[in-house]
């Protein structure tokens, strides 16, 4: 379990470094357009979520992720 967490952490860190390098290498218009697509898709998905915000918070409070 601990090894999985460390592996996941290292993979996320590797992705962050990769993405930061990519963002620095392309014009602002390119990466900002992709960010808009990502944010819009997340907002659309949130509207389709089958649980209200209040229900989600109650589950989180009880530790039932």
PDB file of N, CA and C in Angstrom:
ATOM      1  N   UNK A   1       0.827  -1.199   0.000  1.00  0.00           N
ATOM      2  CA  UNK A   1       0.000   0.000   0.000  1.00  0.00           C
ATOM      3  C   UNK A   1       0.868   1.259   0.000  1.00  0.00           C
ATOM      4  N   UNK A   2       1.880   1.289   0.852  1.00  0.00           N
ATOM      5  CA  UNK A   2       2.764   2.449   0.937  1.00  0.00           C
ATOM      6  C   UNK A   2       3.526   2.637  -0.373  1.00  0.00           C
ATOM      7  N   UNK A   3       3.939   1.527  -0.982  1.00  0.00           N
ATOM      8  CA  UNK A   3       4.656   1.612  -2.257  1.00  0.00           C
ATOM      9  C   UNK A   3       3.763   2.177  -3.348  1.00  0.00           C
ATOM     10  N   UNK A   4       2.486   1.798  -3.339  1.00  0.00           N
ATOM     11  CA  UNK A   4       1.543   2.333  -4.323  1.00  0.00           C
ATOM     12  C   UNK A   4       1.392   3.839  -4.166  1.00  0.00           C
ATOM     13  N   UNK A   5       1.292   4.300  -2.920  1.00  0.00           N
ATOM     14  CA  UNK A   5       1.150   5.738  -2.674  1.00  0.00           C
ATOM     15  C   UNK A   5       2.384   6.484  -3.156  1.00  0.00           C
ATOM     16  N   UNK A   6       3.551   5.936  -2.877  1.00  0.00           N
ATOM     17  CA  UNK A   6       4.790   6.582  -3.316  1.00  0.00           C
ATOM     18  C   UNK A   6       4.875   6.581  -4.841  1.00  0.00           C
ATOM     19  N   UNK A   7       4.511   5.460  -5.462  1.00  0.00           N
ATOM     20  CA  UNK A   7       4.532   5.366  -6.926  1.00  0.00           C
ATOM     21  C   UNK A   7       3.559   6.373  -7.534  1.00  0.00           C
ATOM     22  N   UNK A   8       2.350   6.455  -6.974  1.00  0.00           N
ATOM     23  CA  UNK A   8       1.366   7.418  -7.472  1.00  0.00           C
ATOM     24  C   UNK A   8       1.867   8.843  -7.329  1.00  0.00           C
ATOM     25  N   UNK A   9       2.469   9.143  -6.181  1.00  0.00           N
ATOM     26  CA  UNK A   9       3.013  10.474  -5.944  1.00  0.00           C
ATOM     27  C   UNK A   9       4.082  10.805  -6.987  1.00  0.00           C
ATOM     28  N   UNK A  10       4.983   9.875  -7.225  1.00  0.00           N
ATOM     29  CA  UNK A  10       6.057  10.111  -8.192  1.00  0.00           C
ATOM     30  C   UNK A  10       5.510  10.275  -9.605  1.00  0.00           C
ATOM     31  N   UNK A  11       4.472   9.515  -9.950  1.00  0.00           N
ATOM     32  CA  UNK A  11       3.860   9.663 -11.269  1.00  0.00           C
ATOM     33  C   UNK A  11       3.199  11.034 -11.415  1.00  0.00           C
ATOM     34  N   UNK A  12       2.513  11.477 -10.365  1.00  0.00           N
ATOM     35  CA  UNK A  12       1.885  12.802 -10.415  1.00  0.00           C
ATOM     36  C   UNK A  12       2.948  13.889 -10.537  1.00  0.00           C
ATOM     37  N   UNK A  13       4.020  13.753  -9.784  1.00  0.00           N
ATOM     38  CA  UNK A  13       5.103  14.724  -9.843  1.00  0.00           C
ATOM     39  C   UNK A  13       5.728  14.758 -11.240  1.00  0.00           C
ATOM     40  N   UNK A  14       5.924  13.599 -11.820  1.00  0.00           N
ATOM     41  CA  UNK A  14       6.475  13.524 -13.182  1.00  0.00           C
ATOM     42  C   UNK A  14       5.548  14.217 -14.177  1.00  0.00           C
ATOM     43  N   UNK A  15       4.233  13.991 -14.030  1.00  0.00           N
ATOM     44  CA  UNK A  15       3.280  14.634 -14.928  1.00  0.00           C
ATOM     45  C   UNK A  15       3.294  16.146 -14.754  1.00  0.00           C
ATOM     46  N   UNK A  16       3.357  16.619 -13.523  1.00  0.00           N
ATOM     47  CA  UNK A  16       3.384  18.059 -13.259  1.00  0.00           C
ATOM     48  C   UNK A  16       4.600  18.697 -13.920  1.00  0.00           C
ATOM     49  N   UNK A  17       5.737  18.051 -13.789  1.00  0.00           N
ATOM     50  CA  UNK A  17       6.956  18.585 -14.422  1.00  0.00           C
ATOM     51  C   UNK A  17       6.834  18.582 -15.944  1.00  0.00           C
ATOM     52  N   UNK A  18       6.286  17.486 -16.491  1.00  0.00           N
ATOM     53  CA  UNK A  18       6.075  17.397 -17.935  1.00  0.00           C
ATOM     54  C   UNK A  18       5.143  18.502 -18.411  1.00  0.00           C
ATOM     55  N   UNK A  19       4.037  18.690 -17.695  1.00  0.00           N
ATOM     56  CA  UNK A  19       3.039  19.686 -18.103  1.00  0.00           C
ATOM     57  C   UNK A  19       3.589  21.101 -17.970  1.00  0.00           C
ATOM     58  N   UNK A  20       4.328  21.372 -16.900  1.00  0.00           N
ATOM     59  CA  UNK A  20       4.921  22.701 -16.724  1.00  0.00           C
ATOM     60  C   UNK A  20       5.886  23.011 -17.870  1.00  0.00           C
ATOM     61  N   UNK A  21       6.670  22.020 -18.255  1.00  0.00           N
ATOM     62  CA  UNK A  21       7.605  22.212 -19.373  1.00  0.00           C
ATOM     63  C   UNK A  21       6.833  22.480 -20.663  1.00  0.00           C
ATOM     64  N   UNK A  22       5.739  21.754 -20.869  1.00  0.00           N
ATOM     65  CA  UNK A  22       4.932  21.949 -22.073  1.00  0.00           C
ATOM     66  C   UNK A  22       4.302  23.337 -22.082  1.00  0.00           C
ATOM     67  N   UNK A  23       3.742  23.760 -20.942  1.00  0.00           N
ATOM     68  CA  UNK A  23       3.107  25.078 -20.854  1.00  0.00           C
ATOM     69  C   UNK A  23       4.110  26.171 -21.198  1.00  0.00           C
ATOM     70  N   UNK A  24       5.340  26.025 -20.722  1.00  0.00           N
ATOM     71  CA  UNK A  24       6.372  27.027 -20.997  1.00  0.00           C
ATOM     72  C   UNK A  24       6.787  27.039 -22.464  1.00  0.00           C
ATOM     73  N   UNK A  25       6.549  25.936 -23.172  1.00  0.00           N
ATOM     74  CA  UNK A  25       7.054  25.814 -24.545  1.00  0.00           C
ATOM     75  C   UNK A  25       6.037  26.189 -25.620  1.00  0.00           C
ATOM     76  N   UNK A  26       4.783  26.417 -25.246  1.00  0.00           N
ATOM     77  CA  UNK A  26       3.760  26.743 -26.241  1.00  0.00           C
ATOM     78  C   UNK A  26       3.200  28.140 -25.979  1.00  0.00           C
ATOM     79  N   UNK A  27       2.629  28.777 -27.012  1.00  0.00           N
ATOM     80  CA  UNK A  27       2.030  30.096 -26.804  1.00  0.00           C
ATOM     81  C   UNK A  27       0.864  30.031 -25.802  1.00  0.00           C
ATOM     82  N   UNK A  28       0.629  31.129 -25.102  1.00  0.00           N
ATOM     83  CA  UNK A  28      -0.452  31.195 -24.111  1.00  0.00           C
ATOM     84  C   UNK A  28      -1.803  30.791 -24.698  1.00  0.00           C
ATOM     85  N   UNK A  29      -2.051  31.165 -25.940  1.00  0.00           N
ATOM     86  CA  UNK A  29      -3.338  30.861 -26.561  1.00  0.00           C
ATOM     87  C   UNK A  29      -3.590  29.356 -26.645  1.00  0.00           C
ATOM     88  N   UNK A  30      -2.524  28.596 -26.867  1.00  0.00           N
ATOM     89  CA  UNK A  30      -2.656  27.148 -27.018  1.00  0.00           C
ATOM     90  C   UNK A  30      -3.032  26.502 -25.690  1.00  0.00           C
ATOM     91  N   UNK A  31      -2.239  26.763 -24.650  1.00  0.00           N
ATOM     92  CA  UNK A  31      -2.532  26.088 -23.387  1.00  0.00           C
ATOM     93  C   UNK A  31      -3.772  26.649 -22.714  1.00  0.00           C
ATOM     94  N   UNK A  32      -4.056  27.949 -22.890  1.00  0.00           N
ATOM     95  CA  UNK A  32      -5.244  28.499 -22.247  1.00  0.00           C
ATOM     96  C   UNK A  32      -6.510  27.957 -22.900  1.00  0.00           C
ATOM     97  N   UNK A  33      -6.465  27.694 -24.201  1.00  0.00           N
ATOM     98  CA  UNK A  33      -7.618  27.080 -24.876  1.00  0.00           C
ATOM     99  C   UNK A  33      -7.855  25.671 -24.335  1.00  0.00           C
ATOM    100  N   UNK A  34      -6.783  24.926 -24.131  1.00  0.00           N
ATOM    101  CA  UNK A  34      -6.926  23.580 -23.583  1.00  0.00           C
ATOM    102  C   UNK A  34      -7.428  23.609 -22.143  1.00  0.00           C
ATOM    103  N   UNK A  35      -6.972  24.594 -21.363  1.00  0.00           N
ATOM    104  CA  UNK A  35      -7.463  24.736 -19.996  1.00  0.00           C
ATOM    105  C   UNK A  35      -8.971  25.024 -20.004  1.00  0.00           C
ATOM    106  N   UNK A  36      -9.419  25.858 -20.943  1.00  0.00           N
ATOM    107  CA  UNK A  36     -10.845  26.176 -21.046  1.00  0.00           C
ATOM    108  C   UNK A  36     -11.653  24.922 -21.355  1.00  0.00           C
ATOM    109  N   UNK A  37     -11.149  24.090 -22.254  1.00  0.00           N
ATOM    110  CA  UNK A  37     -11.833  22.838 -22.582  1.00  0.00           C
ATOM    111  C   UNK A  37     -11.925  21.948 -21.332  1.00  0.00           C
ATOM    112  N   UNK A  38     -10.833  21.833 -20.604  1.00  0.00           N
ATOM    113  CA  UNK A  38     -10.811  21.018 -19.393  1.00  0.00           C
ATOM    114  C   UNK A  38     -11.803  21.545 -18.356  1.00  0.00           C
ATOM    115  N   UNK A  39     -11.758  22.841 -18.088  1.00  0.00           N
ATOM    116  CA  UNK A  39     -12.640  23.436 -17.084  1.00  0.00           C
ATOM    117  C   UNK A  39     -14.097  23.297 -17.502  1.00  0.00           C
ATOM    118  N   UNK A  40     -14.397  23.547 -18.761  1.00  0.00           N
ATOM    119  CA  UNK A  40     -15.775  23.420 -19.240  1.00  0.00           C
ATOM    120  C   UNK A  40     -16.281  21.987 -19.105  1.00  0.00           C
ATOM    121  N   UNK A  41     -15.440  21.015 -19.397  1.00  0.00           N
ATOM    122  CA  UNK A  41     -15.865  19.619 -19.281  1.00  0.00           C
ATOM    123  C   UNK A  41     -16.072  19.244 -17.820  1.00  0.00           C
ATOM    124  N   UNK A  42     -15.253  19.790 -16.927  1.00  0.00           N
ATOM    125  CA  UNK A  42     -15.431  19.521 -15.502  1.00  0.00           C
ATOM    126  C   UNK A  42     -16.744  20.137 -14.998  1.00  0.00           C
ATOM    127  N   UNK A  43     -17.053  21.331 -15.462  1.00  0.00           N
ATOM    128  CA  UNK A  43     -18.302  21.986 -15.055  1.00  0.00           C
ATOM    129  C   UNK A  43     -19.509  21.207 -15.582  1.00  0.00           C
ATOM    130  N   UNK A  44     -19.420  20.740 -16.815  1.00  0.00           N
ATOM    131  CA  UNK A  44     -20.516  19.951 -17.392  1.00  0.00           C
ATOM    132  C   UNK A  44     -20.705  18.657 -16.603  1.00  0.00           C
ATOM    133  N   UNK A  45     -19.613  18.011 -16.273  1.00  0.00           N
ATOM    134  CA  UNK A  45     -19.673  16.776 -15.508  1.00  0.00           C
ATOM    135  C   UNK A  45     -20.256  17.016 -14.118  1.00  0.00           C
ATOM    136  N   UNK A  46     -19.905  18.130 -13.503  1.00  0.00           N
ATOM    137  CA  UNK A  46     -20.413  18.447 -12.163  1.00  0.00           C
ATOM    138  C   UNK A  46     -21.931  18.604 -12.189  1.00  0.00           C
ATOM    139  N   UNK A  47     -22.460  19.159 -13.266  1.00  0.00           N
ATOM    140  CA  UNK A  47     -23.920  19.312 -13.377  1.00  0.00           C
ATOM    141  C   UNK A  47     -24.612  17.960 -13.493  1.00  0.00           C
ATOM    142  N   UNK A  48     -23.908  16.965 -14.010  1.00  0.00           N
ATOM    143  CA  UNK A  48     -24.484  15.634 -14.186  1.00  0.00           C
ATOM    144  C   UNK A  48     -24.244  14.729 -12.982  1.00  0.00           C
ATOM    145  N   UNK A  49     -23.605  15.242 -11.940  1.00  0.00           N
ATOM    146  CA  UNK A  49     -23.286  14.447 -10.756  1.00  0.00           C
ATOM    147  C   UNK A  49     -24.587  14.036 -10.076  1.00  0.00           C
ATOM    148  N   UNK A  50     -24.684  12.775  -9.686  1.00  0.00           N
ATOM    149  CA  UNK A  50     -25.939  12.231  -9.172  1.00  0.00           C
ATOM    150  C   UNK A  50     -26.185  12.557  -7.696  1.00  0.00           C
ATOM    151  N   UNK A  51     -25.321  13.355  -7.083  1.00  0.00           N
ATOM    152  CA  UNK A  51     -25.439  13.632  -5.654  1.00  0.00           C
ATOM    153  C   UNK A  51     -25.374  15.145  -5.451  1.00  0.00           C
ATOM    154  N   UNK A  52     -26.178  15.652  -4.548  1.00  0.00           N
ATOM    155  CA  UNK A  52     -26.130  17.088  -4.267  1.00  0.00           C
ATOM    156  C   UNK A  52     -24.859  17.418  -3.496  1.00  0.00           C
ATOM    157  N   UNK A  53     -24.515  18.681  -3.476  1.00  0.00           N
ATOM    158  CA  UNK A  53     -23.350  19.116  -2.721  1.00  0.00           C
ATOM    159  C   UNK A  53     -23.485  18.801  -1.246  1.00  0.00           C
ATOM    160  N   UNK A  54     -24.693  18.965  -0.718  1.00  0.00           N
ATOM    161  CA  UNK A  54     -24.932  18.690   0.698  1.00  0.00           C
ATOM    162  C   UNK A  54     -24.737  17.200   1.005  1.00  0.00           C
ATOM    163  N   UNK A  55     -25.252  16.339   0.122  1.00  0.00           N
ATOM    164  CA  UNK A  55     -25.083  14.889   0.324  1.00  0.00           C
ATOM    165  C   UNK A  55     -23.610  14.504   0.298  1.00  0.00           C
ATOM    166  N   UNK A  56     -22.888  15.076  -0.651  1.00  0.00           N
ATOM    167  CA  UNK A  56     -21.459  14.778  -0.770  1.00  0.00           C
ATOM    168  C   UNK A  56     -20.722  15.179   0.507  1.00  0.00           C
ATOM    169  N   UNK A  57     -21.012  16.384   1.000  1.00  0.00           N
ATOM    170  CA  UNK A  57     -20.331  16.852   2.213  1.00  0.00           C
ATOM    171  C   UNK A  57     -20.671  15.990   3.415  1.00  0.00           C
ATOM    172  N   UNK A  58     -21.916  15.520   3.508  1.00  0.00           N
ATOM    173  CA  UNK A  58     -22.286  14.626   4.611  1.00  0.00           C
ATOM    174  C   UNK A  58     -21.480  13.326   4.549  1.00  0.00           C
ATOM    175  N   UNK A  59     -21.332  12.773   3.351  1.00  0.00           N
ATOM    176  CA  UNK A  59     -20.524  11.563   3.190  1.00  0.00           C
ATOM    177  C   UNK A  59     -19.070  11.814   3.584  1.00  0.00           C
ATOM    178  N   UNK A  60     -18.528  12.954   3.151  1.00  0.00           N
ATOM    179  CA  UNK A  60     -17.141  13.268   3.484  1.00  0.00           C
ATOM    180  C   UNK A  60     -16.957  13.406   4.987  1.00  0.00           C
ATOM    181  N   UNK A  61     -17.929  14.027   5.657  1.00  0.00           N
ATOM    182  CA  UNK A  61     -17.850  14.200   7.111  1.00  0.00           C
ATOM    183  C   UNK A  61     -17.827  12.854   7.834  1.00  0.00           C
ATOM    184  N   UNK A  62     -18.564  11.892   7.290  1.00  0.00           N
ATOM    185  CA  UNK A  62     -18.613  10.563   7.910  1.00  0.00           C
ATOM    186  C   UNK A  62     -17.437   9.694   7.483  1.00  0.00           C
ATOM    187  N   UNK A  63     -16.650  10.168   6.533  1.00  0.00           N
ATOM    188  CA  UNK A  63     -15.490   9.411   6.079  1.00  0.00           C
ATOM    189  C   UNK A  63     -15.837   8.337   5.066  1.00  0.00           C
ATOM    190  N   UNK A  64     -16.939   8.498   4.372  1.00  0.00           N
ATOM    191  CA  UNK A  64     -17.366   7.515   3.365  1.00  0.00           C
ATOM    192  C   UNK A  64     -17.047   8.004   1.967  1.00  0.00           C
ATOM    193  N   UNK A  65     -15.772   8.137   1.637  1.00  0.00           N
ATOM    194  CA  UNK A  65     -15.413   8.650   0.326  1.00  0.00           C
ATOM    195  C   UNK A  65     -15.883   7.682  -0.659  1.00  0.00           C
TER     196      UNK A  65
END
